[in-house]
Amino acid sequence: MDHRQQRAIDAIDRAAVDFLIAIKAHAPDTEMVRQAEHALGALTDSVKTAIVNDHA
């Protein structure tokens, strides 16, 4: 993994954490919200995988 990819992954992780903090602070604790949090985690992992696999 090169420096550009690592910086991108770090930025994605920071954004995901910030978004999860906002969700926890402002959204009700419901099953739908928990599902959305899970989906955010899956999306974050998918984007990071795409970044790592980008050989351009």
N, C-alpha and C. Protein backbone atom coordinates (compact mmCIF):
# COMPACT_ATOMS: atom_id res chain seq x y z
N MET A 1 0.85 -1.17 0.00
CA MET A 1 0.00 0.00 0.00
C MET A 1 0.90 1.24 0.00
N ASP A 2 0.58 2.16 -0.89
CA ASP A 2 1.41 3.36 -0.96
C ASP A 2 0.88 4.45 -0.02
N HIS A 3 1.62 5.53 0.03
CA HIS A 3 1.28 6.63 0.95
C HIS A 3 -0.09 7.24 0.63
N ARG A 4 -0.39 7.40 -0.65
CA ARG A 4 -1.67 7.98 -1.07
C ARG A 4 -2.84 7.10 -0.61
N GLN A 5 -2.68 5.80 -0.77
CA GLN A 5 -3.73 4.88 -0.35
C GLN A 5 -3.91 4.92 1.17
N GLN A 6 -2.81 4.95 1.90
CA GLN A 6 -2.91 5.00 3.36
C GLN A 6 -3.59 6.28 3.83
N ARG A 7 -3.25 7.39 3.20
CA ARG A 7 -3.91 8.66 3.57
C ARG A 7 -5.40 8.60 3.27
N ALA A 8 -5.78 8.00 2.15
CA ALA A 8 -7.19 7.88 1.79
C ALA A 8 -7.92 7.00 2.80
N ILE A 9 -7.32 5.89 3.17
CA ILE A 9 -7.95 5.00 4.16
C ILE A 9 -8.09 5.69 5.50
N ASP A 10 -7.07 6.41 5.92
CA ASP A 10 -7.14 7.16 7.18
C ASP A 10 -8.28 8.19 7.14
N ALA A 11 -8.41 8.88 6.03
CA ALA A 11 -9.48 9.88 5.89
C ALA A 11 -10.86 9.22 5.92
N ILE A 12 -11.00 8.09 5.26
CA ILE A 12 -12.27 7.35 5.27
C ILE A 12 -12.60 6.92 6.69
N ASP A 13 -11.62 6.40 7.41
CA ASP A 13 -11.85 5.97 8.80
C ASP A 13 -12.28 7.14 9.68
N ARG A 14 -11.61 8.28 9.53
CA ARG A 14 -11.98 9.46 10.34
C ARG A 14 -13.40 9.92 10.02
N ALA A 15 -13.74 9.94 8.74
CA ALA A 15 -15.09 10.37 8.35
C ALA A 15 -16.14 9.41 8.88
N ALA A 16 -15.87 8.12 8.81
CA ALA A 16 -16.83 7.13 9.31
C ALA A 16 -17.04 7.28 10.81
N VAL A 17 -15.95 7.49 11.54
CA VAL A 17 -16.07 7.68 12.99
C VAL A 17 -16.87 8.93 13.30
N ASP A 18 -16.58 10.03 12.60
CA ASP A 18 -17.33 11.27 12.81
C ASP A 18 -18.82 11.07 12.53
N PHE A 19 -19.12 10.35 11.45
CA PHE A 19 -20.52 10.10 11.09
C PHE A 19 -21.20 9.24 12.14
N LEU A 20 -20.52 8.20 12.62
CA LEU A 20 -21.10 7.36 13.66
C LEU A 20 -21.34 8.13 14.95
N ILE A 21 -20.44 9.02 15.29
CA ILE A 21 -20.63 9.85 16.49
C ILE A 21 -21.87 10.73 16.31
N ALA A 22 -22.04 11.31 15.14
CA ALA A 22 -23.22 12.14 14.88
C ALA A 22 -24.50 11.31 14.95
N ILE A 23 -24.45 10.11 14.39
CA ILE A 23 -25.64 9.24 14.46
C ILE A 23 -25.98 8.92 15.90
N LYS A 24 -24.99 8.51 16.68
CA LYS A 24 -25.23 8.17 18.09
C LYS A 24 -25.77 9.36 18.86
N ALA A 25 -25.31 10.55 18.54
CA ALA A 25 -25.72 11.75 19.27
C ALA A 25 -27.12 12.23 18.89
N HIS A 26 -27.55 11.96 17.65
CA HIS A 26 -28.78 12.59 17.18
C HIS A 26 -29.88 11.65 16.72
N ALA A 27 -29.55 10.40 16.47
CA ALA A 27 -30.56 9.47 15.96
C ALA A 27 -31.08 8.61 17.12
N PRO A 28 -32.34 8.21 17.02
CA PRO A 28 -32.89 7.35 18.08
C PRO A 28 -32.22 5.96 18.03
N ASP A 29 -32.21 5.30 19.16
CA ASP A 29 -31.63 3.96 19.24
C ASP A 29 -32.69 2.94 18.81
N THR A 30 -32.80 2.78 17.50
CA THR A 30 -33.78 1.86 16.94
C THR A 30 -33.08 0.81 16.08
N GLU A 31 -33.81 -0.23 15.75
CA GLU A 31 -33.25 -1.27 14.89
C GLU A 31 -32.85 -0.70 13.53
N MET A 32 -33.64 0.20 12.99
CA MET A 32 -33.32 0.79 11.68
C MET A 32 -32.01 1.56 11.75
N VAL A 33 -31.80 2.29 12.82
CA VAL A 33 -30.56 3.04 12.97
C VAL A 33 -29.38 2.09 13.14
N ARG A 34 -29.57 1.02 13.92
CA ARG A 34 -28.50 0.04 14.08
C ARG A 34 -28.16 -0.62 12.75
N GLN A 35 -29.15 -0.88 11.92
CA GLN A 35 -28.91 -1.44 10.59
C GLN A 35 -28.15 -0.44 9.72
N ALA A 36 -28.49 0.83 9.83
CA ALA A 36 -27.79 1.86 9.07
C ALA A 36 -26.33 1.96 9.52
N GLU A 37 -26.09 1.86 10.82
CA GLU A 37 -24.72 1.88 11.33
C GLU A 37 -23.93 0.69 10.78
N HIS A 38 -24.56 -0.47 10.75
CA HIS A 38 -23.91 -1.66 10.21
C HIS A 38 -23.61 -1.46 8.71
N ALA A 39 -24.58 -0.91 7.99
CA ALA A 39 -24.38 -0.66 6.56
C ALA A 39 -23.24 0.33 6.33
N LEU A 40 -23.13 1.34 7.18
CA LEU A 40 -22.02 2.29 7.08
C LEU A 40 -20.68 1.59 7.26
N GLY A 41 -20.62 0.68 8.22
CA GLY A 41 -19.38 -0.08 8.43
C GLY A 41 -19.03 -0.92 7.21
N ALA A 42 -20.05 -1.57 6.63
CA ALA A 42 -19.81 -2.40 5.45
C ALA A 42 -19.37 -1.54 4.26
N LEU A 43 -20.00 -0.39 4.10
CA LEU A 43 -19.64 0.51 3.01
C LEU A 43 -18.21 1.02 3.19
N THR A 44 -17.88 1.39 4.40
CA THR A 44 -16.53 1.87 4.70
C THR A 44 -15.50 0.79 4.35
N ASP A 45 -15.77 -0.44 4.75
CA ASP A 45 -14.85 -1.54 4.43
C ASP A 45 -14.73 -1.74 2.92
N SER A 46 -15.85 -1.63 2.21
CA SER A 46 -15.83 -1.81 0.75
C SER A 46 -15.00 -0.72 0.07
N VAL A 47 -15.15 0.51 0.52
CA VAL A 47 -14.39 1.61 -0.08
C VAL A 47 -12.90 1.44 0.20
N LYS A 48 -12.57 1.04 1.43
CA LYS A 48 -11.16 0.84 1.76
C LYS A 48 -10.57 -0.30 0.94
N THR A 49 -11.34 -1.36 0.72
CA THR A 49 -10.87 -2.45 -0.13
C THR A 49 -10.63 -1.97 -1.55
N ALA A 50 -11.54 -1.15 -2.05
CA ALA A 50 -11.38 -0.61 -3.42
C ALA A 50 -10.12 0.26 -3.51
N ILE A 51 -9.85 1.01 -2.48
CA ILE A 51 -8.65 1.86 -2.45
C ILE A 51 -7.39 1.01 -2.47
N VAL A 52 -7.36 -0.01 -1.64
CA VAL A 52 -6.19 -0.88 -1.56
C VAL A 52 -5.97 -1.63 -2.88
N ASN A 53 -7.04 -2.01 -3.54
CA ASN A 53 -6.93 -2.77 -4.78
C ASN A 53 -6.73 -1.89 -6.02
N ASP A 54 -6.71 -0.58 -5.84
CA ASP A 54 -6.48 0.34 -6.95
C ASP A 54 -5.00 0.39 -7.26
N HIS A 55 -4.63 -0.13 -8.41
CA HIS A 55 -3.22 -0.17 -8.77
C HIS A 55 -2.84 0.95 -9.74
N ALA A 56 -3.74 1.90 -9.94
CA ALA A 56 -3.47 2.98 -10.90
C ALA A 56 -2.54 4.02 -10.30
